[in-house]
Amino acid sequence: MNAIMTNFDFEPAEQHRSQRWEGFSEIDQAIRENRLMEYRIKKSWADPWGRKLTVLGIVVIVGVFAFLAGTSLGLW
């Protein structure tokens, strides 16, 4: 076989980024490194409404579990 080998597979990913897609470089890097969930959590926490909804959701979940635990223990 006579295949043409390039250095594309061996060069770092930063060298191959297109200038047209600079805004998507962070999400592209997150997908490449398989840390998309971490990226979404950081972006949501940076947004004031996202942060409020996250805290409210956690409070509701903890409240429901506390109510269920109190009910099962006969506290109310």
C-alpha atoms as a PDB file:
ATOM      1  CA  MET A   1       0.000   0.000   0.000  1.00  0.00           C
ATOM      2  CA  ASN A   2       1.114   3.448  -0.782  1.00  0.00           C
ATOM      3  CA  ALA A   3      -0.730   5.757   1.631  1.00  0.00           C
ATOM      4  CA  ILE A   4      -0.053   9.426   2.149  1.00  0.00           C
ATOM      5  CA  MET A   5       0.532  10.052   5.827  1.00  0.00           C
ATOM      6  CA  THR A   6       0.049  13.508   7.237  1.00  0.00           C
ATOM      7  CA  ASN A   7       0.887  14.846  10.655  1.00  0.00           C
ATOM      8  CA  PHE A   8      -2.771  15.659  11.275  1.00  0.00           C
ATOM      9  CA  ASP A   9      -3.218  12.818  13.732  1.00  0.00           C
ATOM     10  CA  PHE A  10      -0.036  13.627  15.614  1.00  0.00           C
ATOM     11  CA  GLU A  11      -0.285  17.413  15.933  1.00  0.00           C
ATOM     12  CA  PRO A  12      -2.148  18.999  18.855  1.00  0.00           C
ATOM     13  CA  ALA A  13      -5.786  19.892  18.261  1.00  0.00           C
ATOM     14  CA  GLU A  14      -5.157  23.601  18.872  1.00  0.00           C
ATOM     15  CA  GLN A  15      -3.206  23.858  15.630  1.00  0.00           C
ATOM     16  CA  HIS A  16      -6.183  22.689  13.568  1.00  0.00           C
ATOM     17  CA  ARG A  17      -8.824  25.122  14.790  1.00  0.00           C
ATOM     18  CA  SER A  18     -10.437  27.153  12.088  1.00  0.00           C
ATOM     19  CA  GLN A  19     -10.527  30.907  12.560  1.00  0.00           C
ATOM     20  CA  ARG A  20     -14.169  31.002  11.453  1.00  0.00           C
ATOM     21  CA  TRP A  21     -15.308  28.918  14.423  1.00  0.00           C
ATOM     22  CA  GLU A  22     -13.480  30.636  17.279  1.00  0.00           C
ATOM     23  CA  GLY A  23     -16.691  31.014  19.288  1.00  0.00           C
ATOM     24  CA  PHE A  24     -17.192  27.255  19.311  1.00  0.00           C
ATOM     25  CA  SER A  25     -13.640  26.349  20.281  1.00  0.00           C
ATOM     26  CA  GLU A  26     -14.471  25.950  23.982  1.00  0.00           C
ATOM     27  CA  ILE A  27     -17.410  23.608  23.368  1.00  0.00           C
ATOM     28  CA  ASP A  28     -15.388  21.728  20.770  1.00  0.00           C
ATOM     29  CA  GLN A  29     -12.578  21.251  23.273  1.00  0.00           C
ATOM     30  CA  ALA A  30     -15.093  20.077  25.906  1.00  0.00           C
ATOM     31  CA  ILE A  31     -16.540  17.490  23.523  1.00  0.00           C
ATOM     32  CA  ARG A  32     -13.081  16.330  22.513  1.00  0.00           C
ATOM     33  CA  GLU A  33     -12.035  15.865  26.126  1.00  0.00           C
ATOM     34  CA  ASN A  34     -15.374  14.226  27.021  1.00  0.00           C
ATOM     35  CA  ARG A  35     -16.257  16.828  29.638  1.00  0.00           C
ATOM     36  CA  LEU A  36     -19.444  18.190  28.134  1.00  0.00           C
ATOM     37  CA  MET A  37     -21.404  17.884  31.388  1.00  0.00           C
ATOM     38  CA  GLU A  38     -18.784  19.915  33.246  1.00  0.00           C
ATOM     39  CA  TYR A  39     -19.003  22.584  30.534  1.00  0.00           C
ATOM     40  CA  ARG A  40     -22.801  22.752  30.822  1.00  0.00           C
ATOM     41  CA  ILE A  41     -22.688  23.026  34.610  1.00  0.00           C
ATOM     42  CA  LYS A  42     -20.120  25.831  34.493  1.00  0.00           C
ATOM     43  CA  LYS A  43     -22.106  27.760  31.882  1.00  0.00           C
ATOM     44  CA  SER A  44     -25.336  27.304  33.836  1.00  0.00           C
ATOM     45  CA  TRP A  45     -23.711  28.418  37.093  1.00  0.00           C
ATOM     46  CA  ALA A  46     -22.319  31.530  35.391  1.00  0.00           C
ATOM     47  CA  ASP A  47     -25.840  32.557  34.349  1.00  0.00           C
ATOM     48  CA  PRO A  48     -27.722  34.285  37.231  1.00  0.00           C
ATOM     49  CA  TRP A  49     -31.066  32.666  36.344  1.00  0.00           C
ATOM     50  CA  GLY A  50     -29.413  29.279  35.896  1.00  0.00           C
ATOM     51  CA  ARG A  51     -27.794  29.584  39.299  1.00  0.00           C
ATOM     52  CA  LYS A  52     -31.104  30.535  40.954  1.00  0.00           C
ATOM     53  CA  LEU A  53     -32.942  27.655  39.307  1.00  0.00           C
ATOM     54  CA  THR A  54     -30.200  25.207  40.297  1.00  0.00           C
ATOM     55  CA  VAL A  55     -30.283  26.309  43.943  1.00  0.00           C
ATOM     56  CA  LEU A  56     -34.101  26.251  43.952  1.00  0.00           C
ATOM     57  CA  GLY A  57     -34.136  22.759  42.448  1.00  0.00           C
ATOM     58  CA  ILE A  58     -31.688  21.447  45.033  1.00  0.00           C
ATOM     59  CA  VAL A  59     -33.700  23.036  47.877  1.00  0.00           C
ATOM     60  CA  VAL A  60     -36.921  21.452  46.593  1.00  0.00           C
ATOM     61  CA  ILE A  61     -35.296  18.018  46.265  1.00  0.00           C
ATOM     62  CA  VAL A  62     -33.777  18.214  49.766  1.00  0.00           C
ATOM     63  CA  GLY A  63     -37.128  19.447  51.137  1.00  0.00           C
ATOM     64  CA  VAL A  64     -39.016  16.521  49.606  1.00  0.00           C
ATOM     65  CA  PHE A  65     -36.496  14.014  50.968  1.00  0.00           C
ATOM     66  CA  ALA A  66     -36.630  15.658  54.415  1.00  0.00           C
ATOM     67  CA  PHE A  67     -40.433  15.496  54.384  1.00  0.00           C
ATOM     68  CA  LEU A  68     -40.407  11.839  53.374  1.00  0.00           C
ATOM     69  CA  ALA A  69     -37.790  10.992  55.998  1.00  0.00           C
ATOM     70  CA  GLY A  70     -39.770  12.857  58.677  1.00  0.00           C
ATOM     71  CA  THR A  71     -42.972  11.104  57.673  1.00  0.00           C
ATOM     72  CA  SER A  72     -41.368   7.682  57.772  1.00  0.00           C
ATOM     73  CA  LEU A  73     -39.961   8.393  61.232  1.00  0.00           C
ATOM     74  CA  GLY A  74     -43.363   9.593  62.472  1.00  0.00           C
ATOM     75  CA  LEU A  75     -42.312  13.176  63.130  1.00  0.00           C
ATOM     76  CA  TRP A  76     -45.436  14.592  61.459  1.00  0.00           C
END
